[in-house]
């Protein structure tokens, strides 16, 4: 998997959700490729084909490579800070969801920004430093899913997880 990421970086491309499967003697790679959303499908497919060829060059000519093309999500949104009452409501909701879902604690540094497209919510929280990144990511994703279900017009939720502060 690391070699797939390195190959993409050498071509200045962003990839995620890389899956490598061994099917008997055959190696199969699947990945999501992020490209400028303004590109035509033909242009994006050409980029994907070059990356697929480079991956085969790195891993072997008989490697099966499947690429899912996605628009790169880089937006600059015009917005403003939400009213303090809205921020307090969001903070309380996030804290309650964290308490319900498990290992996430101490929701703090909540920010809510209003844009023409909807709300952008960012927050910090804490989790046991011995937990795996996968477990923490799952918990934060679950909080986001439930938050979006309960609150309309949310376009982005960013949860920044950190270990508890050391006691002095």
N, C-alpha and C. Protein backbone atom coordinates (compact mmCIF):
# COMPACT_ATOMS: atom_id res chain seq x y z
N UNK A 1 0.82 -1.18 0.00
CA UNK A 1 0.00 0.00 0.00
C UNK A 1 0.87 1.26 0.00
N UNK A 2 1.95 1.22 0.76
CA UNK A 2 2.85 2.38 0.81
C UNK A 2 3.42 2.70 -0.56
N UNK A 3 3.74 1.67 -1.33
CA UNK A 3 4.30 1.90 -2.67
C UNK A 3 3.28 2.56 -3.59
N UNK A 4 2.01 2.26 -3.41
CA UNK A 4 0.96 2.91 -4.20
C UNK A 4 0.91 4.40 -3.85
N UNK A 5 0.93 4.71 -2.56
CA UNK A 5 0.92 6.12 -2.13
C UNK A 5 2.15 6.85 -2.65
N UNK A 6 3.31 6.23 -2.55
CA UNK A 6 4.54 6.86 -3.03
C UNK A 6 4.49 7.10 -4.53
N UNK A 7 3.96 6.15 -5.27
CA UNK A 7 3.84 6.31 -6.73
C UNK A 7 2.93 7.50 -7.04
N UNK A 8 1.82 7.61 -6.34
CA UNK A 8 0.91 8.74 -6.56
C UNK A 8 1.59 10.06 -6.22
N UNK A 9 2.33 10.09 -5.11
CA UNK A 9 3.04 11.33 -4.72
C UNK A 9 4.06 11.74 -5.77
N UNK A 10 4.76 10.77 -6.34
CA UNK A 10 5.75 11.09 -7.37
C UNK A 10 5.10 11.75 -8.58
N UNK A 11 3.82 11.49 -8.78
CA UNK A 11 3.07 12.09 -9.89
C UNK A 11 2.23 13.29 -9.42
N UNK A 12 2.48 13.74 -8.18
CA UNK A 12 1.77 14.88 -7.59
C UNK A 12 0.26 14.67 -7.60
N UNK A 13 -0.17 13.46 -7.26
CA UNK A 13 -1.59 13.12 -7.24
C UNK A 13 -2.02 12.73 -5.83
N UNK A 14 -3.26 13.06 -5.50
CA UNK A 14 -3.82 12.71 -4.19
C UNK A 14 -4.68 11.46 -4.34
N UNK A 15 -4.39 10.45 -3.53
CA UNK A 15 -5.19 9.23 -3.52
C UNK A 15 -5.57 8.90 -2.08
N UNK A 16 -6.67 8.17 -1.94
CA UNK A 16 -7.07 7.66 -0.63
C UNK A 16 -7.87 6.38 -0.83
N UNK A 17 -8.27 5.77 0.27
CA UNK A 17 -8.99 4.49 0.23
C UNK A 17 -8.28 3.47 -0.65
N UNK A 18 -6.98 3.34 -0.44
CA UNK A 18 -6.20 2.36 -1.20
C UNK A 18 -6.44 0.97 -0.59
N UNK A 19 -6.81 0.03 -1.45
CA UNK A 19 -7.03 -1.35 -1.03
C UNK A 19 -6.13 -2.24 -1.88
N UNK A 20 -5.37 -3.10 -1.21
CA UNK A 20 -4.52 -4.06 -1.91
C UNK A 20 -5.00 -5.45 -1.52
N UNK A 21 -5.33 -6.26 -2.53
CA UNK A 21 -5.80 -7.62 -2.28
C UNK A 21 -4.87 -8.60 -2.97
N UNK A 22 -4.64 -9.73 -2.31
CA UNK A 22 -3.91 -10.84 -2.91
C UNK A 22 -4.94 -11.90 -3.25
N UNK A 23 -5.10 -12.17 -4.52
CA UNK A 23 -6.03 -13.22 -4.98
C UNK A 23 -5.19 -14.31 -5.62
N UNK A 24 -4.82 -15.28 -4.82
CA UNK A 24 -3.91 -16.31 -5.30
C UNK A 24 -2.58 -15.66 -5.66
N UNK A 25 -2.17 -15.81 -6.89
CA UNK A 25 -0.92 -15.22 -7.37
C UNK A 25 -1.10 -13.78 -7.86
N UNK A 26 -2.34 -13.34 -7.96
CA UNK A 26 -2.64 -12.03 -8.54
C UNK A 26 -2.76 -10.96 -7.46
N UNK A 27 -2.24 -9.78 -7.75
CA UNK A 27 -2.34 -8.62 -6.87
C UNK A 27 -3.35 -7.66 -7.47
N UNK A 28 -4.31 -7.20 -6.66
CA UNK A 28 -5.34 -6.28 -7.13
C UNK A 28 -5.31 -5.02 -6.27
N UNK A 29 -5.28 -3.86 -6.92
CA UNK A 29 -5.23 -2.58 -6.23
C UNK A 29 -6.46 -1.77 -6.62
N UNK A 30 -7.12 -1.22 -5.63
CA UNK A 30 -8.23 -0.29 -5.85
C UNK A 30 -7.94 0.99 -5.10
N UNK A 31 -8.29 2.13 -5.67
CA UNK A 31 -8.01 3.40 -5.01
C UNK A 31 -8.95 4.48 -5.51
N UNK A 32 -9.08 5.53 -4.70
CA UNK A 32 -9.80 6.73 -5.10
C UNK A 32 -8.76 7.77 -5.48
N UNK A 33 -8.92 8.36 -6.66
CA UNK A 33 -8.01 9.39 -7.17
C UNK A 33 -8.74 10.72 -7.16
N UNK A 34 -8.15 11.73 -6.52
CA UNK A 34 -8.74 13.06 -6.46
C UNK A 34 -8.12 13.94 -7.55
N UNK A 35 -9.00 14.49 -8.40
CA UNK A 35 -8.54 15.40 -9.46
C UNK A 35 -9.40 16.66 -9.44
N UNK A 36 -8.92 17.69 -10.10
CA UNK A 36 -9.67 18.94 -10.22
C UNK A 36 -11.05 18.64 -10.80
N UNK A 37 -12.09 19.04 -10.11
CA UNK A 37 -13.45 18.77 -10.54
C UNK A 37 -13.84 19.46 -11.83
N UNK A 38 -13.06 20.45 -12.27
CA UNK A 38 -13.36 21.15 -13.51
C UNK A 38 -12.81 20.41 -14.73
N UNK A 39 -11.97 19.39 -14.51
CA UNK A 39 -11.45 18.61 -15.64
C UNK A 39 -12.59 17.87 -16.33
N UNK A 40 -12.41 17.60 -17.61
CA UNK A 40 -13.36 16.73 -18.30
C UNK A 40 -13.08 15.30 -17.89
N UNK A 41 -14.06 14.44 -18.10
CA UNK A 41 -13.85 13.02 -17.81
C UNK A 41 -12.68 12.48 -18.62
N UNK A 42 -12.57 12.90 -19.88
CA UNK A 42 -11.47 12.44 -20.71
C UNK A 42 -10.11 12.80 -20.13
N UNK A 43 -9.98 14.05 -19.65
CA UNK A 43 -8.72 14.49 -19.05
C UNK A 43 -8.44 13.72 -17.76
N UNK A 44 -9.46 13.57 -16.93
CA UNK A 44 -9.29 12.85 -15.66
C UNK A 44 -8.95 11.39 -15.90
N UNK A 45 -9.58 10.79 -16.90
CA UNK A 45 -9.31 9.38 -17.20
C UNK A 45 -7.88 9.20 -17.67
N UNK A 46 -7.37 10.16 -18.43
CA UNK A 46 -5.97 10.09 -18.89
C UNK A 46 -5.02 10.13 -17.69
N UNK A 47 -5.30 10.98 -16.73
CA UNK A 47 -4.48 11.06 -15.51
C UNK A 47 -4.55 9.72 -14.77
N UNK A 48 -5.76 9.17 -14.63
CA UNK A 48 -5.94 7.89 -13.95
C UNK A 48 -5.18 6.78 -14.67
N UNK A 49 -5.24 6.79 -15.99
CA UNK A 49 -4.54 5.75 -16.77
C UNK A 49 -3.03 5.84 -16.59
N UNK A 50 -2.50 7.07 -16.55
CA UNK A 50 -1.06 7.24 -16.32
C UNK A 50 -0.67 6.73 -14.93
N UNK A 51 -1.51 7.03 -13.93
CA UNK A 51 -1.23 6.55 -12.58
C UNK A 51 -1.30 5.02 -12.53
N UNK A 52 -2.31 4.45 -13.15
CA UNK A 52 -2.43 2.99 -13.17
C UNK A 52 -1.21 2.35 -13.82
N UNK A 53 -0.72 2.93 -14.91
CA UNK A 53 0.48 2.41 -15.58
C UNK A 53 1.69 2.53 -14.66
N UNK A 54 1.79 3.65 -13.95
CA UNK A 54 2.92 3.84 -13.03
C UNK A 54 2.88 2.83 -11.89
N UNK A 55 1.68 2.55 -11.39
CA UNK A 55 1.55 1.55 -10.32
C UNK A 55 1.94 0.17 -10.84
N UNK A 56 1.52 -0.16 -12.05
CA UNK A 56 1.93 -1.44 -12.64
C UNK A 56 3.45 -1.47 -12.84
N UNK A 57 4.03 -0.34 -13.23
CA UNK A 57 5.48 -0.26 -13.37
C UNK A 57 6.19 -0.50 -12.05
N UNK A 58 5.58 -0.08 -10.97
CA UNK A 58 6.16 -0.24 -9.63
C UNK A 58 5.93 -1.65 -9.07
N UNK A 59 4.73 -2.20 -9.29
CA UNK A 59 4.35 -3.46 -8.64
C UNK A 59 4.37 -4.68 -9.56
N UNK A 60 4.37 -4.44 -10.87
CA UNK A 60 4.38 -5.56 -11.82
C UNK A 60 3.30 -5.38 -12.87
N UNK A 61 3.62 -5.80 -14.09
CA UNK A 61 2.73 -5.58 -15.23
C UNK A 61 1.40 -6.32 -15.11
N UNK A 62 1.38 -7.41 -14.34
CA UNK A 62 0.15 -8.20 -14.24
C UNK A 62 -0.76 -7.76 -13.10
N UNK A 63 -0.42 -6.65 -12.43
CA UNK A 63 -1.23 -6.16 -11.32
C UNK A 63 -2.52 -5.53 -11.86
N UNK A 64 -3.63 -5.90 -11.28
CA UNK A 64 -4.92 -5.31 -11.63
C UNK A 64 -5.08 -4.01 -10.85
N UNK A 65 -5.33 -2.90 -11.54
CA UNK A 65 -5.48 -1.60 -10.88
C UNK A 65 -6.81 -0.99 -11.31
N UNK A 66 -7.64 -0.67 -10.33
CA UNK A 66 -8.94 -0.02 -10.58
C UNK A 66 -8.95 1.31 -9.85
N UNK A 67 -9.31 2.36 -10.57
CA UNK A 67 -9.29 3.71 -10.02
C UNK A 67 -10.69 4.32 -10.03
N UNK A 68 -11.10 4.84 -8.89
CA UNK A 68 -12.35 5.60 -8.79
C UNK A 68 -11.97 7.07 -8.81
N UNK A 69 -12.46 7.81 -9.79
CA UNK A 69 -12.10 9.23 -9.95
C UNK A 69 -13.10 10.08 -9.17
N UNK A 70 -12.55 10.99 -8.34
CA UNK A 70 -13.38 11.90 -7.54
C UNK A 70 -12.91 13.33 -7.75
N UNK A 71 -13.82 14.30 -7.62
CA UNK A 71 -13.38 15.70 -7.67
C UNK A 71 -12.65 16.06 -6.38
N UNK A 72 -11.53 16.73 -6.52
CA UNK A 72 -10.78 17.23 -5.37
C UNK A 72 -11.64 18.27 -4.68
N UNK A 73 -11.84 18.13 -3.40
CA UNK A 73 -12.73 19.01 -2.65
C UNK A 73 -11.93 20.12 -1.97
N UNK A 74 -11.61 21.15 -2.71
CA UNK A 74 -10.94 22.31 -2.13
C UNK A 74 -11.82 23.51 -2.43
N UNK A 75 -12.47 24.01 -1.41
CA UNK A 75 -13.36 25.14 -1.60
C UNK A 75 -12.99 26.25 -0.64
N UNK A 76 -13.11 27.46 -1.10
CA UNK A 76 -13.01 28.61 -0.22
C UNK A 76 -14.41 29.14 -0.05
N UNK A 77 -14.91 29.07 1.16
CA UNK A 77 -16.27 29.50 1.45
C UNK A 77 -16.24 30.84 2.16
N UNK A 78 -17.15 31.70 1.79
CA UNK A 78 -17.31 32.97 2.49
C UNK A 78 -18.26 32.71 3.64
N UNK A 79 -17.86 33.11 4.84
CA UNK A 79 -18.71 32.84 5.98
C UNK A 79 -18.45 33.78 7.14
N UNK A 80 -19.16 33.53 8.21
CA UNK A 80 -19.00 34.33 9.42
C UNK A 80 -19.23 33.42 10.63
N UNK A 81 -18.71 33.86 11.78
CA UNK A 81 -18.92 33.09 13.00
C UNK A 81 -20.40 33.07 13.35
N UNK A 82 -20.88 31.93 13.78
CA UNK A 82 -22.27 31.81 14.22
C UNK A 82 -22.46 32.53 15.55
N UNK A 83 -23.69 32.82 15.85
CA UNK A 83 -24.03 33.46 17.13
C UNK A 83 -23.62 32.54 18.29
N UNK A 84 -23.22 33.12 19.43
CA UNK A 84 -22.80 32.31 20.58
C UNK A 84 -23.83 31.26 21.00
N UNK A 85 -25.11 31.57 20.90
CA UNK A 85 -26.14 30.60 21.29
C UNK A 85 -26.09 29.38 20.37
N UNK A 86 -25.86 29.60 19.09
CA UNK A 86 -25.77 28.48 18.13
C UNK A 86 -24.53 27.63 18.44
N UNK A 87 -23.41 28.29 18.75
CA UNK A 87 -22.18 27.57 19.09
C UNK A 87 -22.40 26.72 20.34
N UNK A 88 -23.06 27.29 21.35
CA UNK A 88 -23.33 26.55 22.59
C UNK A 88 -24.23 25.35 22.31
N UNK A 89 -25.23 25.52 21.44
CA UNK A 89 -26.13 24.42 21.08
C UNK A 89 -25.35 23.30 20.38
N UNK A 90 -24.49 23.67 19.46
CA UNK A 90 -23.68 22.69 18.73
C UNK A 90 -22.73 21.98 19.69
N UNK A 91 -22.07 22.74 20.57
CA UNK A 91 -21.14 22.14 21.53
C UNK A 91 -21.84 21.13 22.43
N UNK A 92 -23.03 21.48 22.90
CA UNK A 92 -23.79 20.57 23.76
C UNK A 92 -24.19 19.31 23.00
N UNK A 93 -24.59 19.47 21.75
CA UNK A 93 -24.97 18.33 20.93
C UNK A 93 -23.78 17.40 20.69
N UNK A 94 -22.63 17.98 20.34
CA UNK A 94 -21.43 17.17 20.10
C UNK A 94 -21.01 16.43 21.37
N UNK A 95 -21.05 17.12 22.52
CA UNK A 95 -20.67 16.49 23.79
C UNK A 95 -21.61 15.32 24.11
N UNK A 96 -22.91 15.51 23.88
CA UNK A 96 -23.87 14.44 24.15
C UNK A 96 -23.63 13.25 23.21
N UNK A 97 -23.38 13.53 21.94
CA UNK A 97 -23.11 12.45 20.99
C UNK A 97 -21.83 11.71 21.35
N UNK A 98 -20.81 12.44 21.78
CA UNK A 98 -19.56 11.80 22.19
C UNK A 98 -19.80 10.88 23.38
N UNK A 99 -20.60 11.33 24.33
CA UNK A 99 -20.89 10.51 25.51
C UNK A 99 -21.65 9.24 25.13
N UNK A 100 -22.52 9.34 24.11
CA UNK A 100 -23.30 8.19 23.66
C UNK A 100 -22.48 7.18 22.88
N UNK A 101 -21.49 7.66 22.13
CA UNK A 101 -20.83 6.78 21.16
C UNK A 101 -19.57 6.10 21.66
N UNK A 102 -19.03 6.52 22.79
CA UNK A 102 -17.90 5.75 23.28
C UNK A 102 -16.65 6.52 23.64
N UNK A 103 -15.55 6.23 22.97
CA UNK A 103 -14.25 6.62 23.49
C UNK A 103 -13.89 8.11 23.38
N UNK A 104 -14.73 8.91 22.78
CA UNK A 104 -14.42 10.33 22.61
C UNK A 104 -14.91 11.10 23.82
N UNK A 105 -14.04 11.97 24.37
CA UNK A 105 -14.38 12.77 25.54
C UNK A 105 -13.95 14.21 25.33
N UNK A 106 -14.31 15.05 26.29
CA UNK A 106 -13.84 16.44 26.38
C UNK A 106 -13.95 17.20 25.05
N UNK A 107 -15.15 17.30 24.54
CA UNK A 107 -15.37 18.11 23.33
C UNK A 107 -15.14 19.57 23.73
N UNK A 108 -14.26 20.24 22.99
CA UNK A 108 -13.92 21.63 23.31
C UNK A 108 -13.50 22.36 22.04
N UNK A 109 -13.23 23.65 22.17
CA UNK A 109 -12.81 24.49 21.03
C UNK A 109 -13.77 24.35 19.85
N UNK A 110 -15.06 24.39 20.15
CA UNK A 110 -16.08 24.25 19.10
C UNK A 110 -16.21 25.58 18.36
N UNK A 111 -16.19 25.48 17.04
CA UNK A 111 -16.39 26.66 16.19
C UNK A 111 -17.50 26.33 15.20
N UNK A 112 -18.36 27.28 14.97
CA UNK A 112 -19.43 27.11 14.00
C UNK A 112 -19.38 28.33 13.09
N UNK A 113 -19.26 28.07 11.81
CA UNK A 113 -19.22 29.14 10.82
C UNK A 113 -20.41 28.99 9.89
N UNK A 114 -21.06 30.10 9.62
CA UNK A 114 -22.20 30.10 8.70
C UNK A 114 -21.72 30.50 7.32
N UNK A 115 -22.12 29.74 6.31
CA UNK A 115 -21.81 30.08 4.92
C UNK A 115 -23.12 30.05 4.13
N UNK A 116 -23.08 30.51 2.91
CA UNK A 116 -24.25 30.45 2.06
C UNK A 116 -24.71 29.03 1.79
N UNK A 117 -23.80 28.08 1.86
CA UNK A 117 -24.13 26.68 1.59
C UNK A 117 -24.59 25.92 2.84
N UNK A 118 -24.29 26.45 4.02
CA UNK A 118 -24.65 25.77 5.26
C UNK A 118 -23.60 26.02 6.33
N UNK A 119 -23.65 25.24 7.39
CA UNK A 119 -22.75 25.42 8.51
C UNK A 119 -21.50 24.55 8.37
N UNK A 120 -20.36 25.10 8.81
CA UNK A 120 -19.12 24.36 8.94
C UNK A 120 -18.82 24.30 10.43
N UNK A 121 -18.65 23.10 10.95
CA UNK A 121 -18.42 22.88 12.37
C UNK A 121 -17.04 22.26 12.56
N UNK A 122 -16.25 22.84 13.45
CA UNK A 122 -14.97 22.23 13.83
C UNK A 122 -14.94 22.11 15.35
N UNK A 123 -14.27 21.08 15.83
CA UNK A 123 -14.15 20.91 17.27
C UNK A 123 -12.93 20.06 17.58
N UNK A 124 -12.46 20.18 18.81
CA UNK A 124 -11.40 19.33 19.32
C UNK A 124 -12.03 18.39 20.34
N UNK A 125 -11.40 17.23 20.51
CA UNK A 125 -11.88 16.27 21.50
C UNK A 125 -10.69 15.41 21.91
N UNK A 126 -10.92 14.57 22.90
CA UNK A 126 -9.84 13.73 23.41
C UNK A 126 -10.24 12.26 23.36
N UNK A 127 -9.20 11.42 23.26
CA UNK A 127 -9.39 9.97 23.31
C UNK A 127 -8.14 9.35 23.90
N UNK A 128 -8.28 8.16 24.42
CA UNK A 128 -7.18 7.41 25.01
C UNK A 128 -6.06 7.27 23.97
N UNK A 129 -4.83 7.66 24.32
CA UNK A 129 -3.73 7.58 23.35
C UNK A 129 -3.36 6.15 22.96
N UNK A 130 -3.83 5.15 23.72
CA UNK A 130 -3.53 3.76 23.38
C UNK A 130 -4.49 3.19 22.32
N UNK A 131 -5.57 3.90 22.04
CA UNK A 131 -6.51 3.44 21.02
C UNK A 131 -5.87 3.53 19.64
N UNK A 132 -6.31 2.68 18.74
CA UNK A 132 -5.80 2.75 17.36
C UNK A 132 -6.42 3.94 16.64
N UNK A 133 -5.72 4.42 15.64
CA UNK A 133 -6.24 5.50 14.81
C UNK A 133 -7.57 5.07 14.20
N UNK A 134 -7.64 3.81 13.78
CA UNK A 134 -8.87 3.30 13.17
C UNK A 134 -10.05 3.40 14.14
N UNK A 135 -9.86 3.01 15.38
CA UNK A 135 -10.94 3.05 16.37
C UNK A 135 -11.39 4.48 16.65
N UNK A 136 -10.42 5.38 16.78
CA UNK A 136 -10.75 6.79 17.04
C UNK A 136 -11.46 7.39 15.84
N UNK A 137 -10.96 7.11 14.65
CA UNK A 137 -11.58 7.63 13.42
C UNK A 137 -13.02 7.15 13.30
N UNK A 138 -13.26 5.88 13.59
CA UNK A 138 -14.62 5.33 13.55
C UNK A 138 -15.54 6.08 14.50
N UNK A 139 -15.05 6.33 15.72
CA UNK A 139 -15.87 7.02 16.72
C UNK A 139 -16.18 8.45 16.29
N UNK A 140 -15.19 9.16 15.77
CA UNK A 140 -15.40 10.53 15.31
C UNK A 140 -16.35 10.55 14.12
N UNK A 141 -16.21 9.59 13.21
CA UNK A 141 -17.13 9.49 12.07
C UNK A 141 -18.57 9.24 12.54
N UNK A 142 -18.73 8.42 13.55
CA UNK A 142 -20.07 8.14 14.07
C UNK A 142 -20.69 9.41 14.67
N UNK A 143 -19.89 10.18 15.39
CA UNK A 143 -20.38 11.45 15.92
C UNK A 143 -20.82 12.35 14.77
N UNK A 144 -20.01 12.42 13.71
CA UNK A 144 -20.36 13.25 12.56
C UNK A 144 -21.66 12.78 11.91
N UNK A 145 -21.80 11.48 11.70
CA UNK A 145 -23.03 10.95 11.07
C UNK A 145 -24.26 11.31 11.89
N UNK A 146 -24.18 11.12 13.19
CA UNK A 146 -25.33 11.43 14.05
C UNK A 146 -25.59 12.93 14.11
N UNK A 147 -24.53 13.71 14.14
CA UNK A 147 -24.70 15.17 14.17
C UNK A 147 -25.39 15.64 12.89
N UNK A 148 -24.94 15.15 11.75
CA UNK A 148 -25.56 15.54 10.47
C UNK A 148 -27.03 15.10 10.42
N UNK A 149 -27.33 13.94 10.98
CA UNK A 149 -28.71 13.45 11.01
C UNK A 149 -29.60 14.40 11.82
N UNK A 150 -29.05 14.91 12.92
CA UNK A 150 -29.84 15.74 13.84
C UNK A 150 -29.87 17.22 13.49
N UNK A 151 -28.96 17.67 12.65
CA UNK A 151 -28.85 19.10 12.35
C UNK A 151 -28.85 19.31 10.84
N UNK A 152 -29.75 20.13 10.35
CA UNK A 152 -29.80 20.42 8.92
C UNK A 152 -28.74 21.44 8.51
N UNK A 153 -28.51 21.49 7.22
CA UNK A 153 -27.63 22.49 6.62
C UNK A 153 -26.18 22.42 7.10
N UNK A 154 -25.70 21.28 7.49
CA UNK A 154 -24.30 21.12 7.88
C UNK A 154 -23.55 20.61 6.66
N UNK A 155 -22.56 21.38 6.19
CA UNK A 155 -21.81 20.95 5.00
C UNK A 155 -20.48 20.31 5.34
N UNK A 156 -19.99 20.56 6.56
CA UNK A 156 -18.69 19.99 6.93
C UNK A 156 -18.59 19.92 8.43
N UNK A 157 -18.06 18.80 8.93
CA UNK A 157 -17.75 18.64 10.35
C UNK A 157 -16.32 18.13 10.42
N UNK A 158 -15.48 18.84 11.16
CA UNK A 158 -14.08 18.44 11.31
C UNK A 158 -13.82 18.21 12.80
N UNK A 159 -13.56 16.96 13.17
CA UNK A 159 -13.22 16.63 14.55
C UNK A 159 -11.73 16.39 14.67
N UNK A 160 -11.07 17.18 15.50
CA UNK A 160 -9.62 17.06 15.73
C UNK A 160 -9.43 16.33 17.06
N UNK A 161 -8.93 15.11 16.99
CA UNK A 161 -8.77 14.29 18.19
C UNK A 161 -7.34 14.35 18.69
N UNK A 162 -7.21 14.44 20.00
CA UNK A 162 -5.89 14.51 20.63
C UNK A 162 -5.93 13.70 21.92
N UNK A 163 -4.76 13.28 22.41
CA UNK A 163 -4.75 12.55 23.68
C UNK A 163 -5.03 13.51 24.84
N UNK A 164 -5.44 12.97 26.00
CA UNK A 164 -5.65 13.84 27.16
C UNK A 164 -4.38 14.57 27.54
N UNK A 165 -4.55 15.73 28.11
CA UNK A 165 -3.39 16.50 28.56
C UNK A 165 -2.75 15.80 29.75
N UNK A 166 -1.43 15.87 29.80
CA UNK A 166 -0.71 15.29 30.94
C UNK A 166 -0.99 16.13 32.18
N UNK A 167 -1.18 15.44 33.30
CA UNK A 167 -1.40 16.16 34.55
C UNK A 167 -0.06 16.60 35.10
N UNK A 168 0.00 17.85 35.57
CA UNK A 168 1.29 18.33 36.11
C UNK A 168 1.25 18.45 37.60
